Amino acid sequence: MKWNELRRIAESYGWYLLRTGGNHDIYAHPQKEGILKIERHGSKEVKSGLYHKLKRQIGF
């Protein structure tokens, strides 16, 4: 999965852009604790282990 696809999925699950960092976009969710960091690499592939961690955090 590419970073852009992951970003779209997170937004469809209710995550919203809180702020932009140096190399990451920081997302928050109104009903979940914590933040979600999504790198700004666009069309590059997300590595497998990181993908599964973010998948659990997003909730899909």
PDB file of N, CA and C in Angstrom:
ATOM      1  N   MET A   1       0.843  -1.163   0.000  1.00  0.00           N
ATOM      2  CA  MET A   1       0.000   0.000   0.000  1.00  0.00           C
ATOM      3  C   MET A   1       0.898   1.239   0.000  1.00  0.00           C
ATOM      4  N   LYS A   2       0.467   2.242  -0.683  1.00  0.00           N
ATOM      5  CA  LYS A   2       1.223   3.487  -0.786  1.00  0.00           C
ATOM      6  C   LYS A   2       0.769   4.461   0.308  1.00  0.00           C
ATOM      7  N   TRP A   3       1.629   5.421   0.627  1.00  0.00           N
ATOM      8  CA  TRP A   3       1.338   6.382   1.684  1.00  0.00           C
ATOM      9  C   TRP A   3       0.082   7.197   1.384  1.00  0.00           C
ATOM     10  N   ASN A   4      -0.114   7.572   0.109  1.00  0.00           N
ATOM     11  CA  ASN A   4      -1.310   8.355  -0.248  1.00  0.00           C
ATOM     12  C   ASN A   4      -2.582   7.562  -0.006  1.00  0.00           C
ATOM     13  N   GLU A   5      -2.562   6.273  -0.306  1.00  0.00           N
ATOM     14  CA  GLU A   5      -3.732   5.419  -0.083  1.00  0.00           C
ATOM     15  C   GLU A   5      -4.035   5.309   1.407  1.00  0.00           C
ATOM     16  N   LEU A   6      -2.980   5.134   2.206  1.00  0.00           N
ATOM     17  CA  LEU A   6      -3.152   5.019   3.649  1.00  0.00           C
ATOM     18  C   LEU A   6      -3.740   6.312   4.219  1.00  0.00           C
ATOM     19  N   ARG A   7      -3.299   7.445   3.720  1.00  0.00           N
ATOM     20  CA  ARG A   7      -3.813   8.740   4.164  1.00  0.00           C
ATOM     21  C   ARG A   7      -5.315   8.852   3.859  1.00  0.00           C
ATOM     22  N   ARG A   8      -5.726   8.457   2.666  1.00  0.00           N
ATOM     23  CA  ARG A   8      -7.149   8.517   2.300  1.00  0.00           C
ATOM     24  C   ARG A   8      -7.999   7.601   3.170  1.00  0.00           C
ATOM     25  N   ILE A   9      -7.488   6.408   3.471  1.00  0.00           N
ATOM     26  CA  ILE A   9      -8.217   5.472   4.320  1.00  0.00           C
ATOM     27  C   ILE A   9      -8.365   6.042   5.726  1.00  0.00           C
ATOM     28  N   ALA A  10      -7.288   6.609   6.274  1.00  0.00           N
ATOM     29  CA  ALA A  10      -7.347   7.199   7.620  1.00  0.00           C
ATOM     30  C   ALA A  10      -8.392   8.303   7.672  1.00  0.00           C
ATOM     31  N   GLU A  11      -8.428   9.149   6.659  1.00  0.00           N
ATOM     32  CA  GLU A  11      -9.414  10.232   6.635  1.00  0.00           C
ATOM     33  C   GLU A  11     -10.831   9.702   6.513  1.00  0.00           C
ATOM     34  N   SER A  12     -11.016   8.602   5.804  1.00  0.00           N
ATOM     35  CA  SER A  12     -12.355   8.023   5.678  1.00  0.00           C
ATOM     36  C   SER A  12     -12.820   7.387   6.989  1.00  0.00           C
ATOM     37  N   TYR A  13     -11.876   7.036   7.881  1.00  0.00           N
ATOM     38  CA  TYR A  13     -12.205   6.470   9.182  1.00  0.00           C
ATOM     39  C   TYR A  13     -12.317   7.538  10.266  1.00  0.00           C
ATOM     40  N   GLY A  14     -12.317   8.798   9.897  1.00  0.00           N
ATOM     41  CA  GLY A  14     -12.563   9.875  10.841  1.00  0.00           C
ATOM     42  C   GLY A  14     -11.332  10.602  11.344  1.00  0.00           C
ATOM     43  N   TRP A  15     -10.142  10.222  10.914  1.00  0.00           N
ATOM     44  CA  TRP A  15      -8.920  10.912  11.331  1.00  0.00           C
ATOM     45  C   TRP A  15      -8.838  12.226  10.561  1.00  0.00           C
ATOM     46  N   TYR A  16      -8.410  13.291  11.223  1.00  0.00           N
ATOM     47  CA  TYR A  16      -8.295  14.596  10.579  1.00  0.00           C
ATOM     48  C   TYR A  16      -6.894  15.152  10.809  1.00  0.00           C
ATOM     49  N   LEU A  17      -6.449  15.983   9.897  1.00  0.00           N
ATOM     50  CA  LEU A  17      -5.125  16.573   9.969  1.00  0.00           C
ATOM     51  C   LEU A  17      -5.074  17.585  11.103  1.00  0.00           C
ATOM     52  N   LEU A  18      -4.228  17.301  12.080  1.00  0.00           N
ATOM     53  CA  LEU A  18      -4.066  18.177  13.231  1.00  0.00           C
ATOM     54  C   LEU A  18      -3.004  19.231  12.944  1.00  0.00           C
ATOM     55  N   ARG A  19      -1.854  18.777  12.422  1.00  0.00           N
ATOM     56  CA  ARG A  19      -0.777  19.698  12.071  1.00  0.00           C
ATOM     57  C   ARG A  19       0.220  18.958  11.186  1.00  0.00           C
ATOM     58  N   THR A  20       1.118  19.714  10.596  1.00  0.00           N
ATOM     59  CA  THR A  20       2.174  19.109   9.801  1.00  0.00           C
ATOM     60  C   THR A  20       3.476  19.226  10.559  1.00  0.00           C
ATOM     61  N   GLY A  21       4.255  18.178  10.526  1.00  0.00           N
ATOM     62  CA  GLY A  21       5.557  18.175  11.174  1.00  0.00           C
ATOM     63  C   GLY A  21       6.637  18.311  10.111  1.00  0.00           C
ATOM     64  N   GLY A  22       7.865  17.959  10.455  1.00  0.00           N
ATOM     65  CA  GLY A  22       8.972  18.056   9.516  1.00  0.00           C
ATOM     66  C   GLY A  22       8.830  17.084   8.353  1.00  0.00           C
ATOM     67  N   ASN A  23       8.662  15.803   8.642  1.00  0.00           N
ATOM     68  CA  ASN A  23       8.532  14.783   7.607  1.00  0.00           C
ATOM     69  C   ASN A  23       7.231  14.007   7.715  1.00  0.00           C
ATOM     70  N   HIS A  24       6.389  14.356   8.678  1.00  0.00           N
ATOM     71  CA  HIS A  24       5.162  13.617   8.913  1.00  0.00           C
ATOM     72  C   HIS A  24       3.983  14.579   8.991  1.00  0.00           C
ATOM     73  N   ASP A  25       2.807  14.041   8.688  1.00  0.00           N
ATOM     74  CA  ASP A  25       1.567  14.751   8.973  1.00  0.00           C
ATOM     75  C   ASP A  25       0.989  14.105  10.223  1.00  0.00           C
ATOM     76  N   ILE A  26       0.525  14.905  11.154  1.00  0.00           N
ATOM     77  CA  ILE A  26       0.013  14.425  12.426  1.00  0.00           C
ATOM     78  C   ILE A  26      -1.512  14.468  12.358  1.00  0.00           C
ATOM     79  N   TYR A  27      -2.141  13.306  12.587  1.00  0.00           N
ATOM     80  CA  TYR A  27      -3.590  13.190  12.533  1.00  0.00           C
ATOM     81  C   TYR A  27      -4.129  12.883  13.921  1.00  0.00           C
ATOM     82  N   ALA A  28      -5.354  13.312  14.183  1.00  0.00           N
ATOM     83  CA  ALA A  28      -6.038  13.042  15.440  1.00  0.00           C
ATOM     84  C   ALA A  28      -7.430  12.515  15.121  1.00  0.00           C
ATOM     85  N   HIS A  29      -8.030  11.856  16.092  1.00  0.00           N
ATOM     86  CA  HIS A  29      -9.380  11.315  15.936  1.00  0.00           C
ATOM     87  C   HIS A  29     -10.220  11.816  17.101  1.00  0.00           C
ATOM     88  N   PRO A  30     -11.446  12.249  16.844  1.00  0.00           N
ATOM     89  CA  PRO A  30     -12.253  12.826  17.921  1.00  0.00           C
ATOM     90  C   PRO A  30     -12.628  11.828  19.017  1.00  0.00           C
ATOM     91  N   GLN A  31     -12.643  10.515  18.717  1.00  0.00           N
ATOM     92  CA  GLN A  31     -13.085   9.541  19.705  1.00  0.00           C
ATOM     93  C   GLN A  31     -11.978   8.603  20.182  1.00  0.00           C
ATOM     94  N   LYS A  32     -10.768   8.753  19.665  1.00  0.00           N
ATOM     95  CA  LYS A  32      -9.667   7.889  20.059  1.00  0.00           C
ATOM     96  C   LYS A  32      -8.564   8.725  20.689  1.00  0.00           C
ATOM     97  N   GLU A  33      -7.823   8.081  21.594  1.00  0.00           N
ATOM     98  CA  GLU A  33      -6.706   8.775  22.223  1.00  0.00           C
ATOM     99  C   GLU A  33      -5.472   8.668  21.339  1.00  0.00           C
ATOM    100  N   GLY A  34      -4.585   9.601  21.497  1.00  0.00           N
ATOM    101  CA  GLY A  34      -3.322   9.553  20.783  1.00  0.00           C
ATOM    102  C   GLY A  34      -3.387  10.203  19.414  1.00  0.00           C
ATOM    103  N   ILE A  35      -2.246  10.133  18.740  1.00  0.00           N
ATOM    104  CA  ILE A  35      -2.133  10.722  17.413  1.00  0.00           C
ATOM    105  C   ILE A  35      -1.658   9.663  16.435  1.00  0.00           C
ATOM    106  N   LEU A  36      -1.776   9.968  15.175  1.00  0.00           N
ATOM    107  CA  LEU A  36      -1.362   9.088  14.093  1.00  0.00           C
ATOM    108  C   LEU A  36      -0.366   9.865  13.241  1.00  0.00           C
ATOM    109  N   LYS A  37       0.828   9.307  13.050  1.00  0.00           N
ATOM    110  CA  LYS A  37       1.844   9.971  12.237  1.00  0.00           C
ATOM    111  C   LYS A  37       1.911   9.273  10.890  1.00  0.00           C
ATOM    112  N   ILE A  38       1.653  10.025   9.828  1.00  0.00           N
ATOM    113  CA  ILE A  38       1.721   9.494   8.468  1.00  0.00           C
ATOM    114  C   ILE A  38       2.801  10.253   7.726  1.00  0.00           C
ATOM    115  N   GLU A  39       3.760   9.509   7.223  1.00  0.00           N
ATOM    116  CA  GLU A  39       4.878  10.125   6.514  1.00  0.00           C
ATOM    117  C   GLU A  39       4.415  10.731   5.193  1.00  0.00           C
ATOM    118  N   ARG A  40       5.154  11.719   4.718  1.00  0.00           N
ATOM    119  CA  ARG A  40       4.836  12.367   3.452  1.00  0.00           C
ATOM    120  C   ARG A  40       5.748  11.836   2.347  1.00  0.00           C
ATOM    121  N   HIS A  41       5.528  10.586   1.947  1.00  0.00           N
ATOM    122  CA  HIS A  41       6.329   9.996   0.880  1.00  0.00           C
ATOM    123  C   HIS A  41       5.483   9.686  -0.353  1.00  0.00           C
ATOM    124  N   GLY A  42       4.235  10.072  -0.334  1.00  0.00           N
ATOM    125  CA  GLY A  42       3.371   9.977  -1.502  1.00  0.00           C
ATOM    126  C   GLY A  42       3.235   8.601  -2.100  1.00  0.00           C
ATOM    127  N   SER A  43       3.942   8.369  -3.201  1.00  0.00           N
ATOM    128  CA  SER A  43       3.742   7.140  -3.963  1.00  0.00           C
ATOM    129  C   SER A  43       4.680   6.009  -3.546  1.00  0.00           C
ATOM    130  N   LYS A  44       5.466   6.186  -2.492  1.00  0.00           N
ATOM    131  CA  LYS A  44       6.321   5.105  -2.004  1.00  0.00           C
ATOM    132  C   LYS A  44       5.489   4.111  -1.207  1.00  0.00           C
ATOM    133  N   GLU A  45       5.941   2.880  -1.167  1.00  0.00           N
ATOM    134  CA  GLU A  45       5.252   1.827  -0.443  1.00  0.00           C
ATOM    135  C   GLU A  45       5.521   1.932   1.062  1.00  0.00           C
ATOM    136  N   VAL A  46       4.508   1.622   1.854  1.00  0.00           N
ATOM    137  CA  VAL A  46       4.650   1.546   3.301  1.00  0.00           C
ATOM    138  C   VAL A  46       5.225   0.168   3.618  1.00  0.00           C
ATOM    139  N   LYS A  47       6.245   0.107   4.471  1.00  0.00           N
ATOM    140  CA  LYS A  47       6.839  -1.174   4.823  1.00  0.00           C
ATOM    141  C   LYS A  47       5.832  -2.020   5.602  1.00  0.00           C
ATOM    142  N   SER A  48       5.968  -3.317   5.489  1.00  0.00           N
ATOM    143  CA  SER A  48       4.983  -4.261   6.005  1.00  0.00           C
ATOM    144  C   SER A  48       4.700  -4.100   7.502  1.00  0.00           C
ATOM    145  N   GLY A  49       5.721  -4.087   8.324  1.00  0.00           N
ATOM    146  CA  GLY A  49       5.512  -3.987   9.769  1.00  0.00           C
ATOM    147  C   GLY A  49       4.846  -2.687  10.169  1.00  0.00           C
ATOM    148  N   LEU A  50       5.283  -1.595   9.581  1.00  0.00           N
ATOM    149  CA  LEU A  50       4.703  -0.291   9.860  1.00  0.00           C
ATOM    150  C   LEU A  50       3.263  -0.225   9.361  1.00  0.00           C
ATOM    151  N   TYR A  51       2.994  -0.845   8.224  1.00  0.00           N
ATOM    152  CA  TYR A  51       1.631  -0.875   7.686  1.00  0.00           C
ATOM    153  C   TYR A  51       0.677  -1.546   8.676  1.00  0.00           C
ATOM    154  N   HIS A  52       1.078  -2.678   9.237  1.00  0.00           N
ATOM    155  CA  HIS A  52       0.207  -3.407  10.164  1.00  0.00           C
ATOM    156  C   HIS A  52      -0.003  -2.622  11.457  1.00  0.00           C
ATOM    157  N   LYS A  53       1.025  -1.917  11.923  1.00  0.00           N
ATOM    158  CA  LYS A  53       0.888  -1.083  13.119  1.00  0.00           C
ATOM    159  C   LYS A  53      -0.103   0.047  12.864  1.00  0.00           C
ATOM    160  N   LEU A  54       0.049   0.747  11.732  1.00  0.00           N
ATOM    161  CA  LEU A  54      -0.849   1.853  11.409  1.00  0.00           C
ATOM    162  C   LEU A  54      -2.262   1.361  11.133  1.00  0.00           C
ATOM    163  N   LYS A  55      -2.381   0.182  10.541  1.00  0.00           N
ATOM    164  CA  LYS A  55      -3.700  -0.399  10.261  1.00  0.00           C
ATOM    165  C   LYS A  55      -4.478  -0.612  11.565  1.00  0.00           C
ATOM    166  N   ARG A  56      -3.815  -1.154  12.587  1.00  0.00           N
ATOM    167  CA  ARG A  56      -4.460  -1.345  13.888  1.00  0.00           C
ATOM    168  C   ARG A  56      -4.828  -0.012  14.512  1.00  0.00           C
ATOM    169  N   GLN A  57      -3.926   0.955  14.401  1.00  0.00           N
ATOM    170  CA  GLN A  57      -4.157   2.259  15.005  1.00  0.00           C
ATOM    171  C   GLN A  57      -5.322   2.981  14.333  1.00  0.00           C
ATOM    172  N   ILE A  58      -5.421   2.870  13.004  1.00  0.00           N
ATOM    173  CA  ILE A  58      -6.512   3.518  12.272  1.00  0.00           C
ATOM    174  C   ILE A  58      -7.839   2.829  12.564  1.00  0.00           C
ATOM    175  N   GLY A  59      -7.815   1.506  12.624  1.00  0.00           N
ATOM    176  CA  GLY A  59      -9.031   0.775  12.962  1.00  0.00           C
ATOM    177  C   GLY A  59      -9.677   0.036  11.803  1.00  0.00           C
ATOM    178  N   PHE A  60      -8.901  -0.358  10.802  1.00  0.00           N
ATOM    179  CA  PHE A  60      -9.483  -1.158   9.708  1.00  0.00           C
ATOM    180  C   PHE A  60      -8.812  -2.481   9.598  1.00  0.00           C
TER     181      PHE A  60
END
